[in-house]
């Protein structure tokens, strides 16, 4: 049994479930994404994360087809960016994405950024509710939303987001946002969970020390931290060896002392989200 056979399925408030570990695909192109998804599936991954803004939705879906795995056993997330905000504009956005992917539905559809200065994310969410009701997506959620943005949705719409995907690491643990979501049945998903080029969390001396004590890599310690905090985690890699390493995190546990020590490297209170960015 490979380590990925142990990937937990987390229930979503939509009635579906999401594999806790997935593959991030930004900034791969279509060819790279197809190869990465197929390789990841061979290692047991079943959850793949893309976005219209990434320009690789077709490649992700091609990789899924190459696996020969039944569609219902795979979980794909895509996101619609600012071009598709406003009354009913997301309908054409998702239709175009499904055409590119040659799929009948996605498992999770996210608003990529709230873009609050436009004042359209609430009307966009109402359109997402229609897409959920139509079956073109099995769950709907948000990306890079703060608690204030989510509160606005709750006040004016009917469906609670299934997932809020945010940048999150032990350096920037966003505890308040996570607690807000947990209290309302919103799963938190971590993008750039290893800190990317700027975070350098995998080079933190404490993380390295804990990794050595467990006979693991620093990346595995950080990913295990996400898992033990109940987070969905989507590390990006196009390297099958690294994919396998990232998935080998379900046969050990961080101790309470490990978690207490990791809490000391937080860079402070939750940082704000730049809602004008387009990227992850």
Protein backbone atom coordinates (compact mmCIF):
# COMPACT_ATOMS: atom_id res chain seq x y z
CA UNK A 1 0.00 0.00 0.00
CA UNK A 2 1.43 3.39 -0.96
CA UNK A 3 1.35 6.28 1.49
CA UNK A 4 -1.25 7.99 -0.66
CA UNK A 5 -3.69 5.14 -0.05
CA UNK A 6 -3.95 6.68 3.41
CA UNK A 7 -4.99 10.18 2.24
CA UNK A 8 -8.08 11.04 4.29
CA UNK A 9 -11.32 12.16 2.67
CA UNK A 10 -12.73 15.19 4.46
CA UNK A 11 -16.50 15.75 4.26
CA UNK A 12 -17.66 19.06 2.80
CA UNK A 13 -20.85 20.88 3.75
CA UNK A 14 -22.17 20.24 0.22
CA UNK A 15 -22.42 16.53 0.96
CA UNK A 16 -19.33 15.57 -1.04
CA UNK A 17 -15.83 14.77 0.22
CA UNK A 18 -12.39 16.13 -0.70
CA UNK A 19 -9.03 14.33 -0.44
CA UNK A 20 -7.03 16.19 2.20
CA UNK A 21 -3.86 16.19 0.07
CA UNK A 22 -3.93 17.37 -3.53
CA UNK A 23 -1.63 18.54 -6.29
CA UNK A 24 -1.23 22.23 -7.00
CA UNK A 25 -0.53 23.08 -10.65
CA UNK A 26 0.34 26.80 -10.79
CA UNK A 27 2.32 27.93 -12.86
CA UNK A 28 2.52 24.83 -15.09
CA UNK A 29 1.45 25.02 -18.73
CA UNK A 30 -0.94 22.48 -20.27
CA UNK A 31 1.77 19.98 -21.23
CA UNK A 32 3.48 20.17 -17.86
CA UNK A 33 0.16 19.89 -16.03
CA UNK A 34 -0.91 16.83 -18.01
CA UNK A 35 2.36 15.05 -17.21
CA UNK A 36 2.29 16.09 -13.55
CA UNK A 37 -1.31 15.01 -12.99
CA UNK A 38 -0.75 11.64 -14.64
CA UNK A 39 2.40 11.07 -12.57
CA UNK A 40 0.67 12.13 -9.37
CA UNK A 41 -2.25 9.81 -10.04
CA UNK A 42 0.19 6.91 -10.43
CA UNK A 43 1.36 7.76 -6.91
CA UNK A 44 -2.19 7.73 -5.58
CA UNK A 45 -3.19 11.39 -5.78
CA UNK A 46 -6.84 11.93 -6.64
CA UNK A 47 -7.21 15.69 -6.03
CA UNK A 48 -5.99 18.27 -8.57
CA UNK A 49 -6.15 22.05 -8.29
CA UNK A 50 -6.27 24.42 -11.27
CA UNK A 51 -7.81 27.77 -12.28
CA UNK A 52 -8.86 29.60 -15.41
CA UNK A 53 -6.13 32.17 -14.69
CA UNK A 54 -3.48 29.42 -14.63
CA UNK A 55 -4.08 28.64 -18.30
CA UNK A 56 -3.70 24.89 -17.68
CA UNK A 57 -7.23 23.58 -17.11
CA UNK A 58 -7.12 21.58 -20.36
CA UNK A 59 -3.80 20.04 -19.36
CA UNK A 60 -5.03 19.06 -15.92
CA UNK A 61 -8.06 17.34 -17.45
CA UNK A 62 -5.90 15.62 -20.07
CA UNK A 63 -3.73 14.25 -17.29
CA UNK A 64 -6.84 12.98 -15.53
CA UNK A 65 -7.95 11.17 -18.71
CA UNK A 66 -4.51 9.59 -19.15
CA UNK A 67 -4.85 7.89 -15.79
CA UNK A 68 -7.77 5.72 -16.90
CA UNK A 69 -9.24 6.26 -13.42
CA UNK A 70 -13.04 6.70 -13.41
CA UNK A 71 -14.03 10.37 -13.30
CA UNK A 72 -16.02 9.92 -10.11
CA UNK A 73 -12.87 8.81 -8.28
CA UNK A 74 -11.06 12.06 -9.12
CA UNK A 75 -11.53 15.50 -7.56
CA UNK A 76 -10.79 18.64 -9.54
CA UNK A 77 -10.98 22.24 -8.36
CA UNK A 78 -11.00 25.25 -10.65
CA UNK A 79 -11.36 28.97 -9.97
CA UNK A 80 -12.91 31.88 -11.84
CA UNK A 81 -11.13 35.24 -11.64
CA UNK A 82 -12.29 38.83 -11.91
CA UNK A 83 -13.33 38.60 -15.56
CA UNK A 84 -16.26 36.47 -14.45
CA UNK A 85 -17.47 38.53 -11.50
CA UNK A 86 -20.93 40.09 -11.59
CA UNK A 87 -24.46 38.89 -12.27
CA UNK A 88 -24.44 35.55 -14.11
CA UNK A 89 -21.01 36.10 -15.69
CA UNK A 90 -19.69 32.99 -13.96
CA UNK A 91 -22.10 30.84 -15.97
CA UNK A 92 -20.19 31.48 -19.19
CA UNK A 93 -16.93 31.24 -17.25
CA UNK A 94 -17.63 27.76 -15.96
CA UNK A 95 -19.10 26.64 -19.28
CA UNK A 96 -15.87 27.69 -21.01
CA UNK A 97 -13.77 25.91 -18.39
CA UNK A 98 -15.80 22.72 -18.75
CA UNK A 99 -15.42 22.91 -22.52
CA UNK A 100 -11.66 23.29 -22.19
CA UNK A 101 -11.51 20.35 -19.81
CA UNK A 102 -14.08 18.28 -21.70
CA UNK A 103 -15.83 17.56 -18.42
CA UNK A 104 -19.48 17.64 -17.42
CA UNK A 105 -18.77 19.06 -13.97
CA UNK A 106 -16.04 20.13 -11.58
CA UNK A 107 -15.94 18.98 -7.99
CA UNK A 108 -15.21 22.39 -6.50
CA UNK A 109 -15.58 25.86 -8.03
CA UNK A 110 -13.98 28.84 -6.28
CA UNK A 111 -14.18 32.61 -6.65
CA UNK A 112 -10.46 33.23 -7.18
CA UNK A 113 -10.26 36.64 -5.47
CA UNK A 114 -12.91 38.74 -3.70
CA UNK A 115 -11.90 42.02 -5.43
CA UNK A 116 -13.98 43.97 -2.89
CA UNK A 117 -13.41 47.32 -4.61
CA UNK A 118 -15.65 46.08 -7.44
CA UNK A 119 -18.50 45.23 -5.10
CA UNK A 120 -19.41 42.15 -7.15
CA UNK A 121 -18.38 39.12 -5.13
CA UNK A 122 -21.82 38.75 -3.51
CA UNK A 123 -23.64 38.76 -6.86
CA UNK A 124 -20.99 36.38 -8.18
CA UNK A 125 -21.69 34.04 -5.28
CA UNK A 126 -25.39 34.04 -6.11
CA UNK A 127 -24.42 32.88 -9.61
CA UNK A 128 -22.25 30.16 -8.04
CA UNK A 129 -25.31 29.03 -6.10
CA UNK A 130 -27.14 28.59 -9.42
CA UNK A 131 -24.21 26.56 -10.84
CA UNK A 132 -24.27 24.33 -7.77
CA UNK A 133 -28.01 23.78 -8.12
CA UNK A 134 -27.53 22.95 -11.83
CA UNK A 135 -24.97 20.24 -11.01
CA UNK A 136 -22.15 21.80 -13.00
CA UNK A 137 -20.14 21.86 -9.80
CA UNK A 138 -20.46 19.57 -6.78
CA UNK A 139 -19.35 22.23 -4.29
CA UNK A 140 -18.65 25.96 -4.29
CA UNK A 141 -16.15 27.97 -2.32
CA UNK A 142 -13.89 30.97 -2.14
CA UNK A 143 -10.21 31.75 -2.46
CA UNK A 144 -8.32 34.52 -0.67
CA UNK A 145 -11.43 35.67 1.21
CA UNK A 146 -11.09 37.20 4.66
CA UNK A 147 -13.58 36.72 7.49
CA UNK A 148 -15.12 40.08 6.55
CA UNK A 149 -15.72 38.92 2.98
CA UNK A 150 -17.24 35.65 4.21
CA UNK A 151 -19.46 37.54 6.65
CA UNK A 152 -20.80 39.62 3.76
CA UNK A 153 -21.68 36.44 1.87
CA UNK A 154 -23.42 34.97 4.91
CA UNK A 155 -25.54 38.10 5.34
CA UNK A 156 -26.79 38.22 1.76
CA UNK A 157 -26.75 34.68 0.30
CA UNK A 158 -28.00 31.21 1.15
CA UNK A 159 -25.16 28.71 0.62
CA UNK A 160 -22.17 28.61 2.97
CA UNK A 161 -18.86 28.15 1.11
CA UNK A 162 -17.55 24.61 1.35
CA UNK A 163 -13.92 25.72 1.22
CA UNK A 164 -11.90 28.92 1.59
CA UNK A 165 -8.47 28.53 -0.02
CA UNK A 166 -5.85 30.88 1.43
CA UNK A 167 -2.10 31.24 1.64
CA UNK A 168 -1.11 29.63 4.90
CA UNK A 169 2.09 28.31 6.50
CA UNK A 170 3.48 27.90 10.04
CA UNK A 171 4.93 31.39 9.55
CA UNK A 172 1.51 32.84 8.66
CA UNK A 173 -0.96 30.43 10.31
CA UNK A 174 -4.03 32.68 9.92
CA UNK A 175 -5.55 31.28 13.08
CA UNK A 176 -8.46 33.74 13.16
CA UNK A 177 -9.50 32.94 9.59
CA UNK A 178 -9.24 29.22 10.27
CA UNK A 179 -11.32 29.53 13.45
CA UNK A 180 -13.95 31.57 11.60
CA UNK A 181 -14.30 28.88 8.96
CA UNK A 182 -14.29 26.00 11.41
CA UNK A 183 -17.12 27.56 13.39
CA UNK A 184 -19.24 27.78 10.22
CA UNK A 185 -18.43 24.49 8.51
CA UNK A 186 -16.05 26.06 5.96
CA UNK A 187 -12.96 23.97 5.28
CA UNK A 188 -9.66 25.85 4.97
CA UNK A 189 -7.34 24.87 2.13
CA UNK A 190 -3.69 25.95 2.15
CA UNK A 191 -2.11 27.19 -1.06
CA UNK A 192 1.67 27.56 -1.21
CA UNK A 193 1.74 25.45 1.99
CA UNK A 194 5.54 25.18 2.03
CA UNK A 195 6.00 28.94 1.87
CA UNK A 196 7.08 29.30 -1.74
CA UNK A 197 10.23 31.18 -2.59
CA UNK A 198 9.61 33.91 -0.02
CA UNK A 199 8.54 31.95 3.04
CA UNK A 200 11.62 29.78 3.43
CA UNK A 201 9.75 27.88 6.14
CA UNK A 202 11.36 24.61 5.11
CA UNK A 203 14.75 26.16 5.91
CA UNK A 204 13.70 27.32 9.34
CA UNK A 205 16.16 25.87 11.91
CA UNK A 206 13.37 24.62 14.16
CA UNK A 207 11.60 22.84 11.29
CA UNK A 208 14.91 21.27 10.25
CA UNK A 209 15.56 20.16 13.84
CA UNK A 210 12.14 18.51 14.12
CA UNK A 211 12.62 16.88 10.72
CA UNK A 212 15.93 15.38 11.81
CA UNK A 213 14.36 14.06 15.00
CA UNK A 214 11.65 12.28 13.00
CA UNK A 215 13.94 11.12 10.20
CA UNK A 216 11.84 13.14 7.73
CA UNK A 217 12.37 16.05 5.38
CA UNK A 218 11.52 19.59 6.39
CA UNK A 219 8.80 19.70 3.73
CA UNK A 220 7.18 16.60 5.23
CA UNK A 221 7.15 18.23 8.66
CA UNK A 222 5.45 21.35 7.30
CA UNK A 223 2.88 19.35 5.33
CA UNK A 224 2.20 17.15 8.35
CA UNK A 225 1.61 20.35 10.37
CA UNK A 226 -1.10 21.33 7.88
CA UNK A 227 -2.70 17.88 8.05
CA UNK A 228 -2.74 17.75 11.84
CA UNK A 229 -4.38 21.17 11.88
CA UNK A 230 -7.23 19.75 9.78
CA UNK A 231 -6.28 21.74 6.68
CA UNK A 232 -6.60 20.71 3.05
CA UNK A 233 -3.14 21.01 1.54
CA UNK A 234 -2.16 21.32 -2.13
CA UNK A 235 1.62 21.45 -2.60
CA UNK A 236 2.73 22.07 -6.18
CA UNK A 237 5.34 19.85 -7.80
CA UNK A 238 6.08 18.56 -11.27
CA UNK A 239 8.71 16.15 -9.92
CA UNK A 240 7.40 12.62 -9.22
CA UNK A 241 10.03 12.05 -6.52
CA UNK A 242 8.94 15.21 -4.74
CA UNK A 243 5.27 14.27 -5.18
CA UNK A 244 5.97 10.95 -3.49
CA UNK A 245 7.84 12.70 -0.68
CA UNK A 246 4.98 15.16 -0.19
CA UNK A 247 2.49 12.30 0.05
CA UNK A 248 4.51 10.28 2.58
CA UNK A 249 3.11 12.16 5.57
CA UNK A 250 0.38 9.85 6.82
CA UNK A 251 2.50 7.26 8.62
CA UNK A 252 3.85 9.49 11.40
CA UNK A 253 2.59 12.19 13.74
CA UNK A 254 3.99 15.36 15.17
CA UNK A 255 3.90 15.33 18.97
CA UNK A 256 2.11 17.92 21.05
CA UNK A 257 5.53 19.33 21.90
CA UNK A 258 6.42 19.54 18.20
CA UNK A 259 3.23 21.50 17.51
CA UNK A 260 3.86 23.80 20.47
CA UNK A 261 7.37 24.52 19.22
CA UNK A 262 6.17 25.15 15.65
CA UNK A 263 3.66 27.68 17.01
CA UNK A 264 6.61 29.79 18.21
CA UNK A 265 7.79 30.53 14.66
CA UNK A 266 4.58 32.32 13.68
CA UNK A 267 5.31 35.80 12.36
CA UNK A 268 2.45 37.26 14.30
CA UNK A 269 -1.26 37.99 13.83
CA UNK A 270 -2.95 37.13 10.59
CA UNK A 271 -1.63 39.21 7.73
CA UNK A 272 -4.08 40.88 5.38
CA UNK A 273 -4.86 39.45 1.96
CA UNK A 274 -4.11 41.44 -1.17
CA UNK A 275 -7.47 40.96 -2.85
CA UNK A 276 -6.28 42.53 -6.11
CA UNK A 277 -3.72 39.84 -6.83
CA UNK A 278 -4.21 37.23 -9.49
CA UNK A 279 -2.15 34.10 -9.09
CA UNK A 280 -2.78 31.22 -6.73
